[in-house]
Amino acid sequence: MPTLTVRSLDDAVYDGLKALAATRHQSMEAAARDLLQEGVKRRQRWQGATLADLSGDLELSNIDTPYVHSTDLPRDVEF
């Protein structure tokens, strides 16, 4: 299997990963692997999806959205 080394992580990211791993009773490596897999799967699921695809409402496919194109990738929202 391939190996990935990540250098220069922000302290807050490192601490967040450590906390997440603890809550999941995992090693930090396992938690990071799960997060990467989830992120890649989410991007693949969203890529090329339309609003109608995501909602299951066929009527939404008739809405003209000049600012969003079906080729645009989703953006994560920070809270």
PDB file of N, CA and C in Angstrom:
ATOM      1  N   MET A   1       0.831  -1.175   0.000  1.00  0.00           N
ATOM      2  CA  MET A   1       0.000   0.000   0.000  1.00  0.00           C
ATOM      3  C   MET A   1       0.885   1.252   0.000  1.00  0.00           C
ATOM      4  N   PRO A   2       0.430   2.302  -0.648  1.00  0.00           N
ATOM      5  CA  PRO A   2       1.188   3.553  -0.642  1.00  0.00           C
ATOM      6  C   PRO A   2       1.194   4.186   0.748  1.00  0.00           C
ATOM      7  N   THR A   3       2.207   4.989   0.989  1.00  0.00           N
ATOM      8  CA  THR A   3       2.349   5.700   2.249  1.00  0.00           C
ATOM      9  C   THR A   3       2.399   7.191   1.979  1.00  0.00           C
ATOM     10  N   LEU A   4       1.773   7.964   2.845  1.00  0.00           N
ATOM     11  CA  LEU A   4       1.752   9.423   2.718  1.00  0.00           C
ATOM     12  C   LEU A   4       2.304  10.018   3.999  1.00  0.00           C
ATOM     13  N   THR A   5       3.248  10.928   3.857  1.00  0.00           N
ATOM     14  CA  THR A   5       3.777  11.658   4.996  1.00  0.00           C
ATOM     15  C   THR A   5       3.307  13.099   4.884  1.00  0.00           C
ATOM     16  N   VAL A   6       2.725  13.616   5.953  1.00  0.00           N
ATOM     17  CA  VAL A   6       2.240  14.994   5.953  1.00  0.00           C
ATOM     18  C   VAL A   6       3.107  15.789   6.912  1.00  0.00           C
ATOM     19  N   ARG A   7       3.742  16.814   6.382  1.00  0.00           N
ATOM     20  CA  ARG A   7       4.618  17.652   7.197  1.00  0.00           C
ATOM     21  C   ARG A   7       3.971  19.010   7.443  1.00  0.00           C
ATOM     22  N   SER A   8       4.426  19.679   8.454  1.00  0.00           N
ATOM     23  CA  SER A   8       4.047  21.062   8.756  1.00  0.00           C
ATOM     24  C   SER A   8       2.546  21.235   8.974  1.00  0.00           C
ATOM     25  N   LEU A   9       1.942  20.314   9.703  1.00  0.00           N
ATOM     26  CA  LEU A   9       0.533  20.474  10.065  1.00  0.00           C
ATOM     27  C   LEU A   9       0.387  21.630  11.041  1.00  0.00           C
ATOM     28  N   ASP A  10      -0.654  22.370  10.885  1.00  0.00           N
ATOM     29  CA  ASP A  10      -0.996  23.414  11.840  1.00  0.00           C
ATOM     30  C   ASP A  10      -1.270  22.754  13.194  1.00  0.00           C
ATOM     31  N   ASP A  11      -0.857  23.404  14.265  1.00  0.00           N
ATOM     32  CA  ASP A  11      -1.055  22.837  15.605  1.00  0.00           C
ATOM     33  C   ASP A  11      -2.520  22.540  15.895  1.00  0.00           C
ATOM     34  N   ALA A  12      -3.403  23.415  15.457  1.00  0.00           N
ATOM     35  CA  ALA A  12      -4.836  23.212  15.709  1.00  0.00           C
ATOM     36  C   ALA A  12      -5.348  21.982  14.967  1.00  0.00           C
ATOM     37  N   VAL A  13      -4.853  21.751  13.764  1.00  0.00           N
ATOM     38  CA  VAL A  13      -5.258  20.565  13.000  1.00  0.00           C
ATOM     39  C   VAL A  13      -4.754  19.304  13.695  1.00  0.00           C
ATOM     40  N   TYR A  14      -3.502  19.345  14.120  1.00  0.00           N
ATOM     41  CA  TYR A  14      -2.917  18.205  14.824  1.00  0.00           C
ATOM     42  C   TYR A  14      -3.709  17.890  16.097  1.00  0.00           C
ATOM     43  N   ASP A  15      -3.979  18.922  16.884  1.00  0.00           N
ATOM     44  CA  ASP A  15      -4.733  18.729  18.124  1.00  0.00           C
ATOM     45  C   ASP A  15      -6.146  18.225  17.852  1.00  0.00           C
ATOM     46  N   GLY A  16      -6.768  18.750  16.783  1.00  0.00           N
ATOM     47  CA  GLY A  16      -8.109  18.297  16.430  1.00  0.00           C
ATOM     48  C   GLY A  16      -8.121  16.839  16.009  1.00  0.00           C
ATOM     49  N   LEU A  17      -7.113  16.440  15.245  1.00  0.00           N
ATOM     50  CA  LEU A  17      -7.011  15.039  14.822  1.00  0.00           C
ATOM     51  C   LEU A  17      -6.768  14.129  16.020  1.00  0.00           C
ATOM     52  N   LYS A  18      -5.938  14.591  16.923  1.00  0.00           N
ATOM     53  CA  LYS A  18      -5.657  13.811  18.130  1.00  0.00           C
ATOM     54  C   LYS A  18      -6.927  13.619  18.962  1.00  0.00           C
ATOM     55  N   ALA A  19      -7.701  14.697  19.114  1.00  0.00           N
ATOM     56  CA  ALA A  19      -8.953  14.620  19.869  1.00  0.00           C
ATOM     57  C   ALA A  19      -9.965  13.711  19.172  1.00  0.00           C
ATOM     58  N   LEU A  20     -10.064  13.842  17.856  1.00  0.00           N
ATOM     59  CA  LEU A  20     -10.991  12.991  17.098  1.00  0.00           C
ATOM     60  C   LEU A  20     -10.618  11.523  17.241  1.00  0.00           C
ATOM     61  N   ALA A  21      -9.335  11.238  17.128  1.00  0.00           N
ATOM     62  CA  ALA A  21      -8.868   9.855  17.267  1.00  0.00           C
ATOM     63  C   ALA A  21      -9.224   9.303  18.646  1.00  0.00           C
ATOM     64  N   ALA A  22      -9.069  10.123  19.657  1.00  0.00           N
ATOM     65  CA  ALA A  22      -9.385   9.678  21.021  1.00  0.00           C
ATOM     66  C   ALA A  22     -10.873   9.374  21.172  1.00  0.00           C
ATOM     67  N   THR A  23     -11.726  10.235  20.599  1.00  0.00           N
ATOM     68  CA  THR A  23     -13.168   9.995  20.730  1.00  0.00           C
ATOM     69  C   THR A  23     -13.612   8.763  19.957  1.00  0.00           C
ATOM     70  N   ARG A  24     -12.876   8.436  18.904  1.00  0.00           N
ATOM     71  CA  ARG A  24     -13.200   7.241  18.110  1.00  0.00           C
ATOM     72  C   ARG A  24     -12.447   6.005  18.582  1.00  0.00           C
ATOM     73  N   HIS A  25     -11.634   6.165  19.613  1.00  0.00           N
ATOM     74  CA  HIS A  25     -10.799   5.069  20.125  1.00  0.00           C
ATOM     75  C   HIS A  25      -9.934   4.490  19.010  1.00  0.00           C
ATOM     76  N   GLN A  26      -9.305   5.396  18.248  1.00  0.00           N
ATOM     77  CA  GLN A  26      -8.442   5.020  17.144  1.00  0.00           C
ATOM     78  C   GLN A  26      -7.070   5.650  17.336  1.00  0.00           C
ATOM     79  N   SER A  27      -6.130   5.150  16.566  1.00  0.00           N
ATOM     80  CA  SER A  27      -4.848   5.841  16.489  1.00  0.00           C
ATOM     81  C   SER A  27      -5.043   7.080  15.620  1.00  0.00           C
ATOM     82  N   MET A  28      -4.127   8.021  15.725  1.00  0.00           N
ATOM     83  CA  MET A  28      -4.201   9.211  14.881  1.00  0.00           C
ATOM     84  C   MET A  28      -4.074   8.823  13.406  1.00  0.00           C
ATOM     85  N   GLU A  29      -3.260   7.836  13.126  1.00  0.00           N
ATOM     86  CA  GLU A  29      -3.094   7.371  11.742  1.00  0.00           C
ATOM     87  C   GLU A  29      -4.407   6.829  11.185  1.00  0.00           C
ATOM     88  N   ALA A  30      -5.104   6.025  11.978  1.00  0.00           N
ATOM     89  CA  ALA A  30      -6.382   5.462  11.532  1.00  0.00           C
ATOM     90  C   ALA A  30      -7.420   6.563  11.340  1.00  0.00           C
ATOM     91  N   ALA A  31      -7.447   7.528  12.245  1.00  0.00           N
ATOM     92  CA  ALA A  31      -8.397   8.635  12.128  1.00  0.00           C
ATOM     93  C   ALA A  31      -8.102   9.466  10.878  1.00  0.00           C
ATOM     94  N   ALA A  32      -6.830   9.739  10.634  1.00  0.00           N
ATOM     95  CA  ALA A  32      -6.457  10.507   9.440  1.00  0.00           C
ATOM     96  C   ALA A  32      -6.821   9.743   8.176  1.00  0.00           C
ATOM     97  N   ARG A  33      -6.587   8.444   8.168  1.00  0.00           N
ATOM     98  CA  ARG A  33      -6.932   7.615   7.007  1.00  0.00           C
ATOM     99  C   ARG A  33      -8.442   7.656   6.752  1.00  0.00           C
ATOM    100  N   ASP A  34      -9.236   7.542   7.823  1.00  0.00           N
ATOM    101  CA  ASP A  34     -10.698   7.595   7.676  1.00  0.00           C
ATOM    102  C   ASP A  34     -11.152   8.946   7.134  1.00  0.00           C
ATOM    103  N   LEU A  35     -10.579  10.036   7.657  1.00  0.00           N
ATOM    104  CA  LEU A  35     -10.949  11.374   7.188  1.00  0.00           C
ATOM    105  C   LEU A  35     -10.605  11.564   5.717  1.00  0.00           C
ATOM    106  N   LEU A  36      -9.448  11.092   5.312  1.00  0.00           N
ATOM    107  CA  LEU A  36      -9.060  11.206   3.901  1.00  0.00           C
ATOM    108  C   LEU A  36     -10.012  10.402   3.011  1.00  0.00           C
ATOM    109  N   GLN A  37     -10.335   9.185   3.432  1.00  0.00           N
ATOM    110  CA  GLN A  37     -11.260   8.362   2.645  1.00  0.00           C
ATOM    111  C   GLN A  37     -12.637   9.012   2.543  1.00  0.00           C
ATOM    112  N   GLU A  38     -13.132   9.548   3.658  1.00  0.00           N
ATOM    113  CA  GLU A  38     -14.436  10.217   3.659  1.00  0.00           C
ATOM    114  C   GLU A  38     -14.424  11.435   2.743  1.00  0.00           C
ATOM    115  N   GLY A  39     -13.358  12.216   2.796  1.00  0.00           N
ATOM    116  CA  GLY A  39     -13.251  13.409   1.960  1.00  0.00           C
ATOM    117  C   GLY A  39     -13.215  13.095   0.481  1.00  0.00           C
ATOM    118  N   VAL A  40     -12.466  12.071   0.104  1.00  0.00           N
ATOM    119  CA  VAL A  40     -12.387  11.684  -1.304  1.00  0.00           C
ATOM    120  C   VAL A  40     -13.736  11.147  -1.780  1.00  0.00           C
ATOM    121  N   LYS A  41     -14.386  10.335  -0.970  1.00  0.00           N
ATOM    122  CA  LYS A  41     -15.702   9.797  -1.350  1.00  0.00           C
ATOM    123  C   LYS A  41     -16.725  10.917  -1.497  1.00  0.00           C
ATOM    124  N   ARG A  42     -16.685  11.908  -0.585  1.00  0.00           N
ATOM    125  CA  ARG A  42     -17.630  13.028  -0.651  1.00  0.00           C
ATOM    126  C   ARG A  42     -17.418  13.822  -1.940  1.00  0.00           C
ATOM    127  N   ARG A  43     -16.177  14.082  -2.290  1.00  0.00           N
ATOM    128  CA  ARG A  43     -15.881  14.844  -3.502  1.00  0.00           C
ATOM    129  C   ARG A  43     -16.334  14.067  -4.735  1.00  0.00           C
ATOM    130  N   GLN A  44     -16.122  12.768  -4.754  1.00  0.00           N
ATOM    131  CA  GLN A  44     -16.557  11.959  -5.894  1.00  0.00           C
ATOM    132  C   GLN A  44     -18.074  11.952  -6.012  1.00  0.00           C
ATOM    133  N   ARG A  45     -18.772  11.899  -4.881  1.00  0.00           N
ATOM    134  CA  ARG A  45     -20.233  11.875  -4.889  1.00  0.00           C
ATOM    135  C   ARG A  45     -20.790  13.201  -5.389  1.00  0.00           C
ATOM    136  N   TRP A  46     -20.172  14.309  -5.001  1.00  0.00           N
ATOM    137  CA  TRP A  46     -20.651  15.639  -5.375  1.00  0.00           C
ATOM    138  C   TRP A  46     -20.248  16.025  -6.788  1.00  0.00           C
ATOM    139  N   GLN A  47     -19.136  15.526  -7.266  1.00  0.00           N
ATOM    140  CA  GLN A  47     -18.617  15.982  -8.553  1.00  0.00           C
ATOM    141  C   GLN A  47     -19.628  15.712  -9.665  1.00  0.00           C
ATOM    142  N   GLY A  48     -20.020  16.753 -10.341  1.00  0.00           N
ATOM    143  CA  GLY A  48     -20.950  16.640 -11.450  1.00  0.00           C
ATOM    144  C   GLY A  48     -22.412  16.535 -11.046  1.00  0.00           C
ATOM    145  N   ALA A  49     -22.697  16.552  -9.744  1.00  0.00           N
ATOM    146  CA  ALA A  49     -24.081  16.445  -9.291  1.00  0.00           C
ATOM    147  C   ALA A  49     -24.779  17.789  -9.460  1.00  0.00           C
ATOM    148  N   THR A  50     -26.056  17.731  -9.776  1.00  0.00           N
ATOM    149  CA  THR A  50     -26.861  18.943  -9.866  1.00  0.00           C
ATOM    150  C   THR A  50     -27.715  19.058  -8.606  1.00  0.00           C
ATOM    151  N   LEU A  51     -28.348  20.196  -8.421  1.00  0.00           N
ATOM    152  CA  LEU A  51     -29.225  20.389  -7.276  1.00  0.00           C
ATOM    153  C   LEU A  51     -30.344  19.341  -7.274  1.00  0.00           C
ATOM    154  N   ALA A  52     -30.867  19.034  -8.450  1.00  0.00           N
ATOM    155  CA  ALA A  52     -31.926  18.023  -8.547  1.00  0.00           C
ATOM    156  C   ALA A  52     -31.397  16.655  -8.135  1.00  0.00           C
ATOM    157  N   ASP A  53     -30.154  16.339  -8.535  1.00  0.00           N
ATOM    158  CA  ASP A  53     -29.573  15.052  -8.156  1.00  0.00           C
ATOM    159  C   ASP A  53     -29.452  14.933  -6.645  1.00  0.00           C
ATOM    160  N   LEU A  54     -28.994  16.009  -6.022  1.00  0.00           N
ATOM    161  CA  LEU A  54     -28.744  15.977  -4.593  1.00  0.00           C
ATOM    162  C   LEU A  54     -30.027  15.977  -3.772  1.00  0.00           C
ATOM    163  N   SER A  55     -31.076  16.612  -4.283  1.00  0.00           N
ATOM    164  CA  SER A  55     -32.316  16.710  -3.519  1.00  0.00           C
ATOM    165  C   SER A  55     -33.313  15.621  -3.886  1.00  0.00           C
ATOM    166  N   GLY A  56     -33.160  15.045  -5.080  1.00  0.00           N
ATOM    167  CA  GLY A  56     -34.125  14.059  -5.546  1.00  0.00           C
ATOM    168  C   GLY A  56     -35.374  14.689  -6.130  1.00  0.00           C
ATOM    169  N   ASP A  57     -35.401  16.020  -6.272  1.00  0.00           N
ATOM    170  CA  ASP A  57     -36.548  16.744  -6.794  1.00  0.00           C
ATOM    171  C   ASP A  57     -36.300  17.105  -8.253  1.00  0.00           C
ATOM    172  N   LEU A  58     -37.009  16.469  -9.156  1.00  0.00           N
ATOM    173  CA  LEU A  58     -36.794  16.708 -10.579  1.00  0.00           C
ATOM    174  C   LEU A  58     -37.177  18.115 -11.006  1.00  0.00           C
ATOM    175  N   GLU A  59     -38.110  18.757 -10.295  1.00  0.00           N
ATOM    176  CA  GLU A  59     -38.507  20.119 -10.648  1.00  0.00           C
ATOM    177  C   GLU A  59     -37.363  21.107 -10.462  1.00  0.00           C
ATOM    178  N   LEU A  60     -36.449  20.815  -9.584  1.00  0.00           N
ATOM    179  CA  LEU A  60     -35.314  21.705  -9.359  1.00  0.00           C
ATOM    180  C   LEU A  60     -34.376  21.754 -10.551  1.00  0.00           C
ATOM    181  N   SER A  61     -34.446  20.764 -11.414  1.00  0.00           N
ATOM    182  CA  SER A  61     -33.543  20.745 -12.567  1.00  0.00           C
ATOM    183  C   SER A  61     -33.898  21.849 -13.561  1.00  0.00           C
ATOM    184  N   ASN A  62     -35.087  22.445 -13.438  1.00  0.00           N
ATOM    185  CA  ASN A  62     -35.497  23.517 -14.345  1.00  0.00           C
ATOM    186  C   ASN A  62     -35.058  24.894 -13.866  1.00  0.00           C
ATOM    187  N   ILE A  63     -34.479  24.992 -12.692  1.00  0.00           N
ATOM    188  CA  ILE A  63     -34.062  26.277 -12.145  1.00  0.00           C
ATOM    189  C   ILE A  63     -32.738  26.686 -12.782  1.00  0.00           C
ATOM    190  N   ASP A  64     -32.702  27.891 -13.320  1.00  0.00           N
ATOM    191  CA  ASP A  64     -31.486  28.407 -13.922  1.00  0.00           C
ATOM    192  C   ASP A  64     -30.648  29.067 -12.836  1.00  0.00           C
ATOM    193  N   THR A  65     -29.449  28.583 -12.631  1.00  0.00           N
ATOM    194  CA  THR A  65     -28.563  29.141 -11.621  1.00  0.00           C
ATOM    195  C   THR A  65     -27.301  29.641 -12.325  1.00  0.00           C
ATOM    196  N   PRO A  66     -27.278  30.920 -12.677  1.00  0.00           N
ATOM    197  CA  PRO A  66     -26.154  31.436 -13.456  1.00  0.00           C
ATOM    198  C   PRO A  66     -24.833  31.469 -12.698  1.00  0.00           C
ATOM    199  N   TYR A  67     -24.871  31.388 -11.372  1.00  0.00           N
ATOM    200  CA  TYR A  67     -23.646  31.507 -10.605  1.00  0.00           C
ATOM    201  C   TYR A  67     -23.039  30.159 -10.226  1.00  0.00           C
ATOM    202  N   VAL A  68     -23.763  29.081 -10.454  1.00  0.00           N
ATOM    203  CA  VAL A  68     -23.272  27.749 -10.115  1.00  0.00           C
ATOM    204  C   VAL A  68     -23.390  26.877 -11.357  1.00  0.00           C
ATOM    205  N   HIS A  69     -22.315  26.224 -11.695  1.00  0.00           N
ATOM    206  CA  HIS A  69     -22.303  25.349 -12.859  1.00  0.00           C
ATOM    207  C   HIS A  69     -22.165  23.911 -12.393  1.00  0.00           C
ATOM    208  N   SER A  70     -22.683  22.993 -13.173  1.00  0.00           N
ATOM    209  CA  SER A  70     -22.637  21.594 -12.771  1.00  0.00           C
ATOM    210  C   SER A  70     -21.211  21.068 -12.697  1.00  0.00           C
ATOM    211  N   THR A  71     -20.263  21.776 -13.288  1.00  0.00           N
ATOM    212  CA  THR A  71     -18.870  21.336 -13.220  1.00  0.00           C
ATOM    213  C   THR A  71     -18.146  21.904 -12.007  1.00  0.00           C
ATOM    214  N   ASP A  72     -18.789  22.832 -11.263  1.00  0.00           N
ATOM    215  CA  ASP A  72     -18.170  23.400 -10.068  1.00  0.00           C
ATOM    216  C   ASP A  72     -18.086  22.337  -8.967  1.00  0.00           C
ATOM    217  N   LEU A  73     -16.976  22.313  -8.283  1.00  0.00           N
ATOM    218  CA  LEU A  73     -16.832  21.395  -7.159  1.00  0.00           C
ATOM    219  C   LEU A  73     -17.432  22.057  -5.923  1.00  0.00           C
ATOM    220  N   PRO A  74     -17.943  21.252  -4.998  1.00  0.00           N
ATOM    221  CA  PRO A  74     -18.533  21.814  -3.779  1.00  0.00           C
ATOM    222  C   PRO A  74     -17.457  22.475  -2.925  1.00  0.00           C
ATOM    223  N   ARG A  75     -17.876  23.450  -2.181  1.00  0.00           N
ATOM    224  CA  ARG A  75     -16.980  24.111  -1.238  1.00  0.00           C
ATOM    225  C   ARG A  75     -17.409  23.741   0.162  1.00  0.00           C
ATOM    226  N   ASP A  76     -16.444  23.410   0.989  1.00  0.00           N
ATOM    227  CA  ASP A  76     -16.756  23.118   2.377  1.00  0.00           C
ATOM    228  C   ASP A  76     -17.088  24.411   3.101  1.00  0.00           C
ATOM    229  N   VAL A  77     -18.048  24.343   3.989  1.00  0.00           N
ATOM    230  CA  VAL A  77     -18.457  25.515   4.752  1.00  0.00           C
ATOM    231  C   VAL A  77     -17.826  25.408   6.128  1.00  0.00           C
ATOM    232  N   GLU A  78     -17.159  26.479   6.546  1.00  0.00           N
ATOM    233  CA  GLU A  78     -16.557  26.486   7.867  1.00  0.00           C
ATOM    234  C   GLU A  78     -17.518  27.127   8.852  1.00  0.00           C
ATOM    235  N   PHE A  79     -17.653  26.520  10.014  1.00  0.00           N
ATOM    236  CA  PHE A  79     -18.537  27.041  11.061  1.00  0.00           C
ATOM    237  C   PHE A  79     -17.721  27.654  12.154  1.00  0.00           C
TER     238      PHE A  79
END
